[in-house]
């Protein structure tokens, strides 16, 4: 705990305030993009990229991942991509719940 306090006091709080202001600017940019008259896919792509940048700043500085070993940072990045990919695996089931199970001509229909 002493080591963390020394790092914050030696580095100053200015870096954290700068990151916080950067996140606020990115949030304001998202607000501006939301009120532009652009296509939905373009808006999604722009908002997603800004959200990834905001999340990256928050993770790196406020959770102190910037000061950790690069191996941990790489592990967190790969694990996060794996979890997001695993979450995408369930989308076909949600569509099947919406429209029902597709039937084939050889499958008898229930009466």
N, C-alpha and C. Protein backbone atom coordinates (compact mmCIF):
# COMPACT_ATOMS: atom_id res chain seq x y z
N UNK A 1 0.82 -1.19 0.00
CA UNK A 1 0.00 0.00 0.00
C UNK A 1 0.86 1.25 0.00
N UNK A 2 1.99 1.21 0.70
CA UNK A 2 2.88 2.36 0.76
C UNK A 2 3.45 2.66 -0.63
N UNK A 3 3.74 1.59 -1.38
CA UNK A 3 4.31 1.76 -2.71
C UNK A 3 3.33 2.50 -3.62
N UNK A 4 2.05 2.17 -3.53
CA UNK A 4 1.04 2.83 -4.35
C UNK A 4 0.93 4.30 -3.99
N UNK A 5 0.94 4.61 -2.71
CA UNK A 5 0.85 5.99 -2.28
C UNK A 5 2.06 6.80 -2.74
N UNK A 6 3.25 6.17 -2.72
CA UNK A 6 4.44 6.87 -3.19
C UNK A 6 4.37 7.15 -4.67
N UNK A 7 3.84 6.19 -5.42
CA UNK A 7 3.73 6.38 -6.87
C UNK A 7 2.79 7.53 -7.20
N UNK A 8 1.63 7.58 -6.51
CA UNK A 8 0.67 8.64 -6.78
C UNK A 8 1.24 9.99 -6.38
N UNK A 9 1.91 10.04 -5.23
CA UNK A 9 2.45 11.33 -4.79
C UNK A 9 3.63 11.78 -5.64
N UNK A 10 4.45 10.83 -6.11
CA UNK A 10 5.59 11.24 -6.94
C UNK A 10 5.16 11.62 -8.35
N UNK A 11 4.17 10.90 -8.89
CA UNK A 11 3.70 11.20 -10.24
C UNK A 11 2.73 12.35 -10.26
N UNK A 12 2.13 12.64 -9.14
CA UNK A 12 1.15 13.71 -9.07
C UNK A 12 -0.20 13.25 -9.57
N UNK A 13 -1.18 14.05 -9.24
CA UNK A 13 -2.54 13.71 -9.63
C UNK A 13 -2.86 14.28 -11.01
N UNK A 14 -1.96 15.08 -11.54
CA UNK A 14 -2.18 15.72 -12.83
C UNK A 14 -2.42 14.74 -13.96
N UNK A 15 -1.71 13.62 -13.94
CA UNK A 15 -1.88 12.63 -15.01
C UNK A 15 -3.28 12.03 -14.96
N UNK A 16 -3.78 11.77 -13.76
CA UNK A 16 -5.11 11.20 -13.63
C UNK A 16 -6.19 12.20 -14.02
N UNK A 17 -5.98 13.46 -13.68
CA UNK A 17 -6.92 14.49 -14.11
C UNK A 17 -6.92 14.65 -15.62
N UNK A 18 -5.75 14.55 -16.22
CA UNK A 18 -5.65 14.64 -17.68
C UNK A 18 -6.41 13.49 -18.34
N UNK A 19 -6.26 12.29 -17.81
CA UNK A 19 -6.98 11.13 -18.36
C UNK A 19 -8.48 11.31 -18.15
N UNK A 20 -8.88 11.80 -16.99
CA UNK A 20 -10.29 12.04 -16.70
C UNK A 20 -10.88 13.07 -17.67
N UNK A 21 -10.16 14.13 -17.93
CA UNK A 21 -10.62 15.15 -18.88
C UNK A 21 -10.70 14.55 -20.29
N UNK A 22 -9.73 13.70 -20.63
CA UNK A 22 -9.78 13.02 -21.93
C UNK A 22 -11.01 12.15 -22.07
N UNK A 23 -11.37 11.43 -21.01
CA UNK A 23 -12.58 10.61 -21.05
C UNK A 23 -13.82 11.48 -21.18
N UNK A 24 -13.83 12.62 -20.50
CA UNK A 24 -14.96 13.55 -20.63
C UNK A 24 -15.07 14.10 -22.05
N UNK A 25 -13.94 14.39 -22.66
CA UNK A 25 -13.96 14.89 -24.05
C UNK A 25 -14.49 13.81 -24.98
N UNK A 26 -14.06 12.57 -24.79
CA UNK A 26 -14.56 11.47 -25.61
C UNK A 26 -16.06 11.27 -25.41
N UNK A 27 -16.54 11.42 -24.18
CA UNK A 27 -17.98 11.32 -23.93
C UNK A 27 -18.74 12.45 -24.63
N UNK A 28 -18.17 13.64 -24.60
CA UNK A 28 -18.78 14.76 -25.34
C UNK A 28 -18.81 14.52 -26.83
N UNK A 29 -17.75 13.90 -27.34
CA UNK A 29 -17.71 13.56 -28.76
C UNK A 29 -18.79 12.55 -29.11
N UNK A 30 -19.06 11.61 -28.21
CA UNK A 30 -20.15 10.67 -28.44
C UNK A 30 -21.49 11.39 -28.47
N UNK A 31 -21.65 12.39 -27.64
CA UNK A 31 -22.88 13.18 -27.63
C UNK A 31 -23.06 13.91 -28.96
N UNK A 32 -21.98 14.46 -29.49
CA UNK A 32 -22.04 15.15 -30.78
C UNK A 32 -22.38 14.18 -31.90
N UNK A 33 -21.76 13.01 -31.88
CA UNK A 33 -22.02 12.00 -32.92
C UNK A 33 -23.47 11.53 -32.86
N UNK A 34 -24.04 11.44 -31.65
CA UNK A 34 -25.41 10.97 -31.52
C UNK A 34 -26.41 11.88 -32.21
N UNK A 35 -26.10 13.18 -32.29
CA UNK A 35 -27.02 14.12 -32.91
C UNK A 35 -26.68 14.45 -34.36
N UNK A 36 -25.73 13.74 -34.95
CA UNK A 36 -25.45 13.92 -36.37
C UNK A 36 -26.45 13.07 -37.16
N UNK A 37 -26.74 13.50 -38.35
CA UNK A 37 -27.66 12.75 -39.22
C UNK A 37 -26.83 11.87 -40.14
N UNK A 38 -26.41 10.72 -39.60
CA UNK A 38 -25.61 9.77 -40.38
C UNK A 38 -26.29 8.41 -40.32
N UNK A 39 -25.83 7.53 -41.18
CA UNK A 39 -26.36 6.18 -41.25
C UNK A 39 -26.13 5.45 -39.92
N UNK A 40 -27.02 4.52 -39.61
CA UNK A 40 -26.94 3.78 -38.36
C UNK A 40 -25.66 2.98 -38.20
N UNK A 41 -25.21 2.36 -39.29
CA UNK A 41 -23.98 1.56 -39.20
C UNK A 41 -22.76 2.45 -38.99
N UNK A 42 -22.74 3.62 -39.62
CA UNK A 42 -21.64 4.55 -39.40
C UNK A 42 -21.64 5.08 -37.97
N UNK A 43 -22.84 5.36 -37.45
CA UNK A 43 -22.93 5.85 -36.08
C UNK A 43 -22.47 4.77 -35.10
N UNK A 44 -22.88 3.52 -35.35
CA UNK A 44 -22.48 2.43 -34.47
C UNK A 44 -20.96 2.27 -34.47
N UNK A 45 -20.36 2.31 -35.65
CA UNK A 45 -18.91 2.13 -35.75
C UNK A 45 -18.17 3.25 -35.01
N UNK A 46 -18.60 4.48 -35.20
CA UNK A 46 -17.93 5.62 -34.54
C UNK A 46 -18.11 5.55 -33.02
N UNK A 47 -19.34 5.27 -32.59
CA UNK A 47 -19.60 5.18 -31.14
C UNK A 47 -18.81 4.03 -30.52
N UNK A 48 -18.74 2.90 -31.23
CA UNK A 48 -18.02 1.74 -30.70
C UNK A 48 -16.54 2.04 -30.55
N UNK A 49 -15.95 2.68 -31.55
CA UNK A 49 -14.52 3.01 -31.47
C UNK A 49 -14.23 3.98 -30.32
N UNK A 50 -15.08 4.95 -30.15
CA UNK A 50 -14.88 5.90 -29.05
C UNK A 50 -15.07 5.20 -27.71
N UNK A 51 -16.05 4.31 -27.62
CA UNK A 51 -16.28 3.58 -26.36
C UNK A 51 -15.10 2.67 -26.04
N UNK A 52 -14.50 2.06 -27.04
CA UNK A 52 -13.32 1.22 -26.81
C UNK A 52 -12.16 2.08 -26.31
N UNK A 53 -11.99 3.27 -26.88
CA UNK A 53 -10.93 4.17 -26.43
C UNK A 53 -11.17 4.61 -24.98
N UNK A 54 -12.42 4.93 -24.64
CA UNK A 54 -12.73 5.31 -23.25
C UNK A 54 -12.46 4.17 -22.29
N UNK A 55 -12.89 2.97 -22.65
CA UNK A 55 -12.68 1.81 -21.79
C UNK A 55 -11.19 1.52 -21.64
N UNK A 56 -10.45 1.66 -22.72
CA UNK A 56 -9.00 1.44 -22.65
C UNK A 56 -8.32 2.42 -21.72
N UNK A 57 -8.69 3.69 -21.81
CA UNK A 57 -8.12 4.69 -20.89
C UNK A 57 -8.46 4.38 -19.44
N UNK A 58 -9.72 4.02 -19.20
CA UNK A 58 -10.14 3.72 -17.83
C UNK A 58 -9.39 2.51 -17.29
N UNK A 59 -9.25 1.48 -18.09
CA UNK A 59 -8.55 0.28 -17.64
C UNK A 59 -7.07 0.55 -17.40
N UNK A 60 -6.45 1.24 -18.32
CA UNK A 60 -5.00 1.44 -18.23
C UNK A 60 -4.61 2.32 -17.05
N UNK A 61 -5.37 3.38 -16.80
CA UNK A 61 -4.95 4.33 -15.78
C UNK A 61 -5.66 4.16 -14.45
N UNK A 62 -6.99 4.04 -14.46
CA UNK A 62 -7.70 3.97 -13.19
C UNK A 62 -7.61 2.61 -12.54
N UNK A 63 -7.37 1.56 -13.31
CA UNK A 63 -7.16 0.23 -12.73
C UNK A 63 -5.68 -0.12 -12.68
N UNK A 64 -4.83 0.81 -13.02
CA UNK A 64 -3.37 0.70 -12.92
C UNK A 64 -2.80 -0.44 -13.76
N UNK A 65 -3.44 -0.79 -14.87
CA UNK A 65 -2.88 -1.82 -15.74
C UNK A 65 -1.64 -1.31 -16.47
N UNK A 66 -1.50 0.00 -16.60
CA UNK A 66 -0.34 0.58 -17.29
C UNK A 66 0.95 0.26 -16.54
N UNK A 67 0.85 0.13 -15.22
CA UNK A 67 2.03 -0.10 -14.40
C UNK A 67 2.33 -1.58 -14.19
N UNK A 68 1.46 -2.45 -14.68
CA UNK A 68 1.67 -3.89 -14.50
C UNK A 68 2.59 -4.43 -15.58
N UNK A 69 2.97 -5.68 -15.42
CA UNK A 69 3.80 -6.34 -16.43
C UNK A 69 3.01 -6.50 -17.72
N UNK A 70 3.70 -6.51 -18.83
CA UNK A 70 3.05 -6.61 -20.13
C UNK A 70 2.35 -7.96 -20.31
N UNK A 71 2.85 -9.00 -19.62
CA UNK A 71 2.22 -10.32 -19.71
C UNK A 71 0.79 -10.29 -19.17
N UNK A 72 0.59 -9.58 -18.06
CA UNK A 72 -0.75 -9.46 -17.50
C UNK A 72 -1.66 -8.67 -18.42
N UNK A 73 -1.14 -7.61 -18.99
CA UNK A 73 -1.91 -6.81 -19.93
C UNK A 73 -2.33 -7.64 -21.14
N UNK A 74 -1.43 -8.43 -21.67
CA UNK A 74 -1.74 -9.29 -22.80
C UNK A 74 -2.78 -10.34 -22.41
N UNK A 75 -2.65 -10.92 -21.22
CA UNK A 75 -3.62 -11.90 -20.75
C UNK A 75 -5.01 -11.28 -20.64
N UNK A 76 -5.11 -10.10 -20.05
CA UNK A 76 -6.41 -9.44 -19.89
C UNK A 76 -7.03 -9.14 -21.25
N UNK A 77 -6.23 -8.69 -22.21
CA UNK A 77 -6.75 -8.39 -23.55
C UNK A 77 -7.25 -9.65 -24.24
N UNK A 78 -6.48 -10.72 -24.20
CA UNK A 78 -6.88 -11.96 -24.87
C UNK A 78 -8.10 -12.57 -24.18
N UNK A 79 -8.11 -12.56 -22.86
CA UNK A 79 -9.25 -13.12 -22.12
C UNK A 79 -10.52 -12.32 -22.40
N UNK A 80 -10.42 -11.00 -22.49
CA UNK A 80 -11.58 -10.17 -22.78
C UNK A 80 -12.13 -10.48 -24.17
N UNK A 81 -11.24 -10.62 -25.16
CA UNK A 81 -11.70 -10.96 -26.51
C UNK A 81 -12.36 -12.34 -26.53
N UNK A 82 -11.83 -13.29 -25.76
CA UNK A 82 -12.42 -14.61 -25.68
C UNK A 82 -13.82 -14.55 -25.08
N UNK A 83 -13.99 -13.78 -24.01
CA UNK A 83 -15.31 -13.68 -23.37
C UNK A 83 -16.31 -13.02 -24.31
N UNK A 84 -15.90 -11.97 -24.99
CA UNK A 84 -16.81 -11.31 -25.94
C UNK A 84 -17.17 -12.25 -27.07
N UNK A 85 -16.20 -13.02 -27.57
CA UNK A 85 -16.49 -14.01 -28.61
C UNK A 85 -17.43 -15.10 -28.12
N UNK A 86 -17.25 -15.55 -26.89
CA UNK A 86 -18.12 -16.58 -26.33
C UNK A 86 -19.54 -16.05 -26.15
N UNK A 87 -19.67 -14.78 -25.82
CA UNK A 87 -21.01 -14.19 -25.69
C UNK A 87 -21.71 -14.13 -27.04
N UNK A 88 -20.97 -13.95 -28.11
CA UNK A 88 -21.57 -13.88 -29.44
C UNK A 88 -22.08 -15.23 -29.91
N UNK A 89 -21.62 -16.29 -29.28
CA UNK A 89 -22.02 -17.64 -29.67
C UNK A 89 -23.50 -17.88 -29.45
N UNK A 90 -24.13 -17.16 -28.53
CA UNK A 90 -25.53 -17.41 -28.18
C UNK A 90 -26.52 -16.62 -29.02
N UNK A 91 -26.08 -15.75 -29.90
CA UNK A 91 -27.03 -14.95 -30.69
C UNK A 91 -27.95 -15.80 -31.56
N UNK A 92 -27.48 -16.86 -32.24
CA UNK A 92 -28.42 -17.65 -33.05
C UNK A 92 -29.55 -18.24 -32.22
N UNK A 93 -29.30 -18.61 -30.97
CA UNK A 93 -30.37 -19.14 -30.13
C UNK A 93 -31.41 -18.07 -29.81
N UNK A 94 -31.00 -16.84 -29.65
CA UNK A 94 -31.98 -15.80 -29.35
C UNK A 94 -32.87 -15.53 -30.56
N UNK A 95 -32.32 -15.61 -31.77
CA UNK A 95 -33.16 -15.45 -32.95
C UNK A 95 -34.11 -16.64 -33.11
N UNK A 96 -33.66 -17.84 -32.73
CA UNK A 96 -34.51 -19.00 -32.83
C UNK A 96 -35.67 -18.88 -31.84
N UNK A 97 -35.44 -18.30 -30.70
CA UNK A 97 -36.52 -18.09 -29.74
C UNK A 97 -37.53 -17.10 -30.28
N UNK A 98 -37.09 -16.18 -31.09
CA UNK A 98 -37.98 -15.16 -31.64
C UNK A 98 -38.86 -15.73 -32.75
N UNK A 99 -38.28 -16.49 -33.67
CA UNK A 99 -39.02 -16.95 -34.85
C UNK A 99 -39.37 -18.43 -34.79
N UNK A 100 -38.87 -19.16 -33.83
CA UNK A 100 -39.17 -20.59 -33.72
C UNK A 100 -38.11 -21.42 -34.42
N UNK A 101 -38.22 -22.71 -34.22
CA UNK A 101 -37.26 -23.65 -34.81
C UNK A 101 -37.59 -23.81 -36.29
N UNK A 102 -36.60 -23.69 -37.17
CA UNK A 102 -36.88 -23.88 -38.59
C UNK A 102 -37.24 -25.34 -38.87
N UNK A 103 -38.20 -25.51 -39.74
CA UNK A 103 -38.60 -26.86 -40.10
C UNK A 103 -38.11 -27.20 -41.49
N UNK A 104 -37.87 -28.48 -41.71
CA UNK A 104 -37.47 -28.95 -43.03
C UNK A 104 -38.62 -29.74 -43.62
N UNK A 105 -38.65 -29.93 -44.93
CA UNK A 105 -39.78 -30.66 -45.54
C UNK A 105 -39.92 -32.09 -45.03
N UNK A 106 -38.82 -32.70 -44.57
CA UNK A 106 -38.90 -34.08 -44.09
C UNK A 106 -39.38 -34.17 -42.66
N UNK A 107 -39.36 -33.09 -41.94
CA UNK A 107 -39.80 -33.09 -40.55
C UNK A 107 -41.31 -32.87 -40.52
N UNK A 108 -42.05 -33.79 -39.89
CA UNK A 108 -43.52 -33.58 -39.83
C UNK A 108 -43.85 -32.41 -38.91
N UNK A 109 -44.84 -31.65 -39.30
CA UNK A 109 -45.27 -30.52 -38.49
C UNK A 109 -46.18 -31.01 -37.37
N UNK A 110 -46.07 -30.40 -36.17
CA UNK A 110 -46.96 -30.81 -35.08
C UNK A 110 -48.40 -30.37 -35.36
N UNK A 111 -49.33 -31.17 -34.91
CA UNK A 111 -50.76 -30.85 -35.16
C UNK A 111 -51.37 -30.07 -34.06
